[in-house]
Amino acid sequence: MGLFFVAGMVSCEKTTEGLTAITYYPVIELNGGTEVIYLGETYVDPGCTAVMNGVDITDKVVVSDNIDNNSVGIYTVNYSAVNEQGFSASASRTVYVVAESGIANLYVGRMTTPKGQVLSGGTHLITDNGDGTYTLDDVMGGYYCWYTYPGYDAMGYDFFAEVDFSVDSDGVMTQVGDVGNWYFASQVELFIIDGQYDAGTGVVTFNTSYNGATINVVLTPLTK
């Protein structure tokens, strides 16, 4: 009986070898959400709170961003924290830098497909080329890049059909050149028809001929 008891004790001790202490991970929560600022405006970050094992470690969070408040665009603020074992947690916030007026701006899109389906919510960018023309990042209003294949651009697929255009004194949009080289460029014929920019509201509306069918696009400028 004594020998059996000793063997059992040795076995129990071996099962505890190699076990490590409990690992606690940082948990980061953002204060607020997406932020919008105007060109030239100083960005003031709402910050975040971070907790690990019930202890506030907000002062240990590292914050970085790529914001250029002199250029219209979509930017990111990153927050990260690391525990004693080197395991990290992170969170990010989107920041839109927008213009108070003018056609070169960030827009929220609404498009109507050739079958009449209305889709909205995709973000679009119009940039000023400095030669009297502008570039729209997708003449299809997000048909592929936002709704059919969202996120595929991060994997190297180009579903943004860029196009250059001009705007006359009456706000009439005229396409300049061909649509850029995108994923379905050899299969799909695209061009702008009935384009109009309303300087009062900042809204851009146009139809896109899509292999003979029509896509209607309405772009509303992002505001604070």
Protein backbone atom coordinates (compact mmCIF):
# COMPACT_ATOMS: atom_id res chain seq x y z
CA MET A 1 0.00 0.00 0.00
CA GLY A 2 2.83 2.41 0.87
CA LEU A 3 4.53 1.96 -2.51
CA PHE A 4 1.32 2.62 -4.38
CA PHE A 5 0.71 5.84 -2.40
CA VAL A 6 4.19 7.23 -3.14
CA ALA A 7 3.88 6.49 -6.85
CA GLY A 8 0.58 8.30 -6.92
CA MET A 9 2.07 11.35 -5.27
CA VAL A 10 4.96 11.48 -7.76
CA SER A 11 2.52 11.25 -10.65
CA CYS A 12 0.46 14.17 -9.36
CA GLU A 13 3.51 16.38 -8.98
CA LYS A 14 4.64 15.73 -12.57
CA THR A 15 1.29 16.82 -14.02
CA THR A 16 1.83 20.35 -12.64
CA GLU A 17 5.23 20.77 -14.24
CA GLY A 18 5.38 23.31 -17.09
CA LEU A 19 2.14 25.05 -16.15
CA THR A 20 2.28 28.85 -16.43
CA ALA A 21 0.43 31.67 -14.71
CA ILE A 22 -2.82 33.00 -16.15
CA THR A 23 -2.28 35.47 -18.99
CA TYR A 24 -4.37 38.63 -18.96
CA TYR A 25 -4.88 40.58 -22.17
CA PRO A 26 -5.44 44.32 -22.63
CA VAL A 27 -8.95 45.37 -23.63
CA ILE A 28 -9.18 48.67 -25.54
CA GLU A 29 -12.43 50.59 -26.01
CA LEU A 30 -12.65 53.74 -28.13
CA ASN A 31 -14.25 56.91 -26.89
CA GLY A 32 -16.63 57.81 -29.70
CA GLY A 33 -16.34 56.41 -33.21
CA THR A 34 -15.59 57.75 -36.67
CA GLU A 35 -14.45 61.37 -36.71
CA VAL A 36 -14.89 64.06 -39.39
CA ILE A 37 -12.80 67.25 -39.60
CA TYR A 38 -12.55 70.01 -42.20
CA LEU A 39 -9.45 70.78 -44.20
CA GLY A 40 -6.90 72.67 -42.07
CA GLU A 41 -8.70 71.89 -38.85
CA THR A 42 -6.63 70.43 -36.01
CA TYR A 43 -7.65 66.88 -35.17
CA VAL A 44 -8.40 66.35 -31.47
CA ASP A 45 -8.54 62.66 -30.68
CA PRO A 46 -11.37 61.51 -28.35
CA GLY A 47 -9.00 58.88 -26.98
CA CYS A 48 -9.75 55.48 -25.55
CA THR A 49 -9.81 53.51 -22.32
CA ALA A 50 -7.80 50.35 -21.74
CA VAL A 51 -8.15 47.80 -18.94
CA MET A 52 -6.17 44.67 -18.11
CA ASN A 53 -7.29 42.32 -15.34
CA GLY A 54 -9.46 45.05 -13.89
CA VAL A 55 -6.65 47.63 -13.83
CA ASP A 56 -6.78 50.83 -15.89
CA ILE A 57 -3.79 50.89 -18.26
CA THR A 58 -4.95 53.70 -20.52
CA ASP A 59 -1.67 55.54 -19.97
CA LYS A 60 0.16 52.55 -21.45
CA VAL A 61 -1.68 52.73 -24.79
CA VAL A 62 0.45 53.73 -27.80
CA VAL A 63 -1.39 55.93 -30.31
CA SER A 64 -0.31 56.54 -33.91
CA ASP A 65 -2.01 57.99 -37.00
CA ASN A 66 -1.44 58.96 -40.63
CA ILE A 67 -3.69 62.04 -40.66
CA ASP A 68 -2.90 64.86 -43.08
CA ASN A 69 -5.37 67.61 -42.28
CA ASN A 70 -4.33 69.47 -45.43
CA SER A 71 -5.55 66.76 -47.80
CA VAL A 72 -9.06 65.41 -48.27
CA GLY A 73 -8.99 61.71 -47.53
CA ILE A 74 -9.66 58.76 -45.26
CA TYR A 75 -7.20 58.25 -42.42
CA THR A 76 -6.68 55.90 -39.49
CA VAL A 77 -5.78 56.31 -35.82
CA ASN A 78 -4.31 53.15 -34.28
CA TYR A 79 -4.28 52.26 -30.58
CA SER A 80 -2.23 49.39 -29.13
CA ALA A 81 -1.22 47.99 -25.75
CA VAL A 82 1.02 45.07 -24.77
CA ASN A 83 0.91 42.82 -21.68
CA GLU A 84 3.92 41.49 -19.75
CA GLN A 85 4.13 38.39 -21.94
CA GLY A 86 4.31 40.49 -25.12
CA PHE A 87 0.76 39.79 -26.27
CA SER A 88 -0.89 42.86 -27.77
CA ALA A 89 -4.36 44.24 -28.31
CA SER A 90 -5.31 46.93 -30.78
CA ALA A 91 -8.16 49.09 -32.01
CA SER A 92 -8.51 51.68 -34.76
CA ARG A 93 -10.59 54.71 -35.62
CA THR A 94 -11.40 56.15 -39.06
CA VAL A 95 -10.97 59.88 -39.56
CA TYR A 96 -12.39 61.70 -42.59
CA VAL A 97 -10.81 64.97 -43.69
CA VAL A 98 -13.35 66.79 -45.85
CA ALA A 99 -13.73 70.11 -47.65
CA GLU A 100 -16.41 72.63 -46.62
CA SER A 101 -17.13 73.32 -50.30
CA GLY A 102 -15.93 72.44 -53.78
CA ILE A 103 -16.13 69.34 -55.93
CA ALA A 104 -12.85 67.81 -54.71
CA ASN A 105 -14.17 66.09 -51.62
CA LEU A 106 -15.27 62.90 -49.88
CA TYR A 107 -18.80 61.72 -50.59
CA VAL A 108 -21.33 59.15 -49.40
CA GLY A 109 -22.78 57.34 -52.39
CA ARG A 110 -26.20 56.08 -53.33
CA MET A 111 -26.55 54.07 -56.50
CA THR A 112 -29.40 52.41 -58.33
CA THR A 113 -28.51 49.27 -60.22
CA PRO A 114 -29.83 48.47 -63.73
CA LYS A 115 -32.40 46.19 -62.02
CA GLY A 116 -33.63 49.00 -59.76
CA GLN A 117 -31.92 47.93 -56.53
CA VAL A 118 -30.91 50.94 -54.42
CA LEU A 119 -27.64 50.63 -52.51
CA SER A 120 -26.05 53.27 -50.30
CA GLY A 121 -23.26 53.91 -47.82
CA GLY A 122 -20.04 53.54 -49.80
CA THR A 123 -17.50 56.36 -49.50
CA HIS A 124 -16.18 58.02 -52.68
CA LEU A 125 -13.33 60.41 -53.35
CA ILE A 126 -13.10 63.10 -56.02
CA THR A 127 -9.65 64.64 -56.41
CA ASP A 128 -8.58 67.79 -58.25
CA ASN A 129 -5.97 67.06 -60.95
CA GLY A 130 -4.91 70.70 -61.08
CA ASP A 131 -5.51 71.01 -64.82
CA GLY A 132 -9.22 71.73 -64.86
CA THR A 133 -10.17 68.06 -64.55
CA TYR A 134 -11.11 65.84 -61.64
CA THR A 135 -10.81 62.12 -60.92
CA LEU A 136 -13.68 60.10 -59.47
CA ASP A 137 -12.54 56.90 -57.77
CA ASP A 138 -15.40 54.76 -59.14
CA VAL A 139 -17.74 55.64 -61.98
CA MET A 140 -19.98 52.71 -61.01
CA GLY A 141 -20.89 54.22 -57.66
CA GLY A 142 -19.45 51.28 -55.75
CA TYR A 143 -21.33 48.57 -57.64
CA TYR A 144 -18.38 46.19 -57.44
CA CYS A 145 -15.95 47.73 -54.95
CA TRP A 146 -18.46 48.45 -52.16
CA TYR A 147 -21.37 46.06 -52.68
CA THR A 148 -20.40 43.03 -54.78
CA TYR A 149 -16.80 42.49 -53.67
CA PRO A 150 -16.27 44.59 -50.51
CA GLY A 151 -12.77 44.36 -49.06
CA TYR A 152 -11.22 42.72 -52.11
CA ASP A 153 -9.01 45.76 -52.75
CA ALA A 154 -7.03 44.78 -49.65
CA MET A 155 -6.26 41.48 -51.39
CA GLY A 156 -4.96 43.17 -54.53
CA TYR A 157 -8.13 43.22 -56.65
CA ASP A 158 -8.98 46.52 -58.31
CA PHE A 159 -12.75 46.93 -58.57
CA PHE A 160 -12.54 50.75 -58.62
CA ALA A 161 -13.28 52.04 -62.13
CA GLU A 162 -11.64 55.49 -62.01
CA VAL A 163 -12.63 58.18 -64.48
CA ASP A 164 -11.56 61.76 -65.22
CA PHE A 165 -14.10 64.49 -65.92
CA SER A 166 -14.47 68.25 -66.25
CA VAL A 167 -17.22 70.54 -64.95
CA ASP A 168 -18.37 73.65 -66.84
CA SER A 169 -19.79 76.88 -65.40
CA ASP A 170 -23.29 75.36 -65.37
CA GLY A 171 -22.11 72.34 -63.40
CA VAL A 172 -22.36 69.93 -66.32
CA MET A 173 -19.95 67.00 -66.03
CA THR A 174 -18.14 65.74 -69.12
CA GLN A 175 -16.02 62.61 -69.12
CA VAL A 176 -12.40 63.10 -70.18
CA GLY A 177 -10.71 60.07 -71.73
CA ASP A 178 -11.54 56.44 -71.04
CA VAL A 179 -12.27 54.74 -67.74
CA GLY A 180 -9.07 53.59 -66.05
CA ASN A 181 -7.68 50.07 -66.16
CA TRP A 182 -9.59 48.05 -63.54
CA TYR A 183 -10.41 44.37 -63.00
CA PHE A 184 -13.24 44.06 -65.55
CA ALA A 185 -11.95 46.73 -67.96
CA SER A 186 -11.82 44.31 -70.90
CA GLN A 187 -15.37 43.04 -70.27
CA VAL A 188 -17.37 46.11 -69.30
CA GLU A 189 -17.96 49.32 -71.27
CA LEU A 190 -18.52 52.34 -69.03
CA PHE A 191 -19.02 56.04 -69.59
CA ILE A 192 -20.72 58.97 -67.83
CA ILE A 193 -23.97 60.43 -69.16
CA ASP A 194 -26.14 63.24 -67.75
CA GLY A 195 -23.61 64.32 -65.12
CA GLN A 196 -24.30 67.36 -62.94
CA TYR A 197 -22.57 69.08 -60.02
CA ASP A 198 -24.72 71.33 -57.80
CA ALA A 199 -22.39 73.97 -56.35
CA GLY A 200 -25.07 75.03 -53.85
CA THR A 201 -25.54 71.65 -52.20
CA GLY A 202 -22.27 70.04 -53.27
CA VAL A 203 -24.21 67.01 -54.57
CA VAL A 204 -22.93 65.19 -57.65
CA THR A 205 -25.39 63.18 -59.76
CA PHE A 206 -24.80 61.21 -62.94
CA ASN A 207 -25.78 58.13 -64.87
CA THR A 208 -23.24 55.57 -65.99
CA SER A 209 -23.78 53.54 -69.12
CA TYR A 210 -22.92 49.97 -68.10
CA ASN A 211 -22.77 47.72 -71.17
CA GLY A 212 -25.86 49.47 -72.47
CA ALA A 213 -27.71 49.44 -69.14
CA THR A 214 -27.83 52.43 -66.78
CA ILE A 215 -26.52 52.90 -63.25
CA ASN A 216 -27.72 56.03 -61.45
CA VAL A 217 -25.31 57.54 -58.91
CA VAL A 218 -25.86 60.29 -56.33
CA LEU A 219 -22.87 61.50 -54.30
CA THR A 220 -23.55 63.61 -51.20
CA PRO A 221 -20.58 65.37 -49.58
CA LEU A 222 -19.52 64.23 -46.12
CA THR A 223 -19.97 66.89 -43.45
CA LYS A 224 -19.32 67.16 -39.73
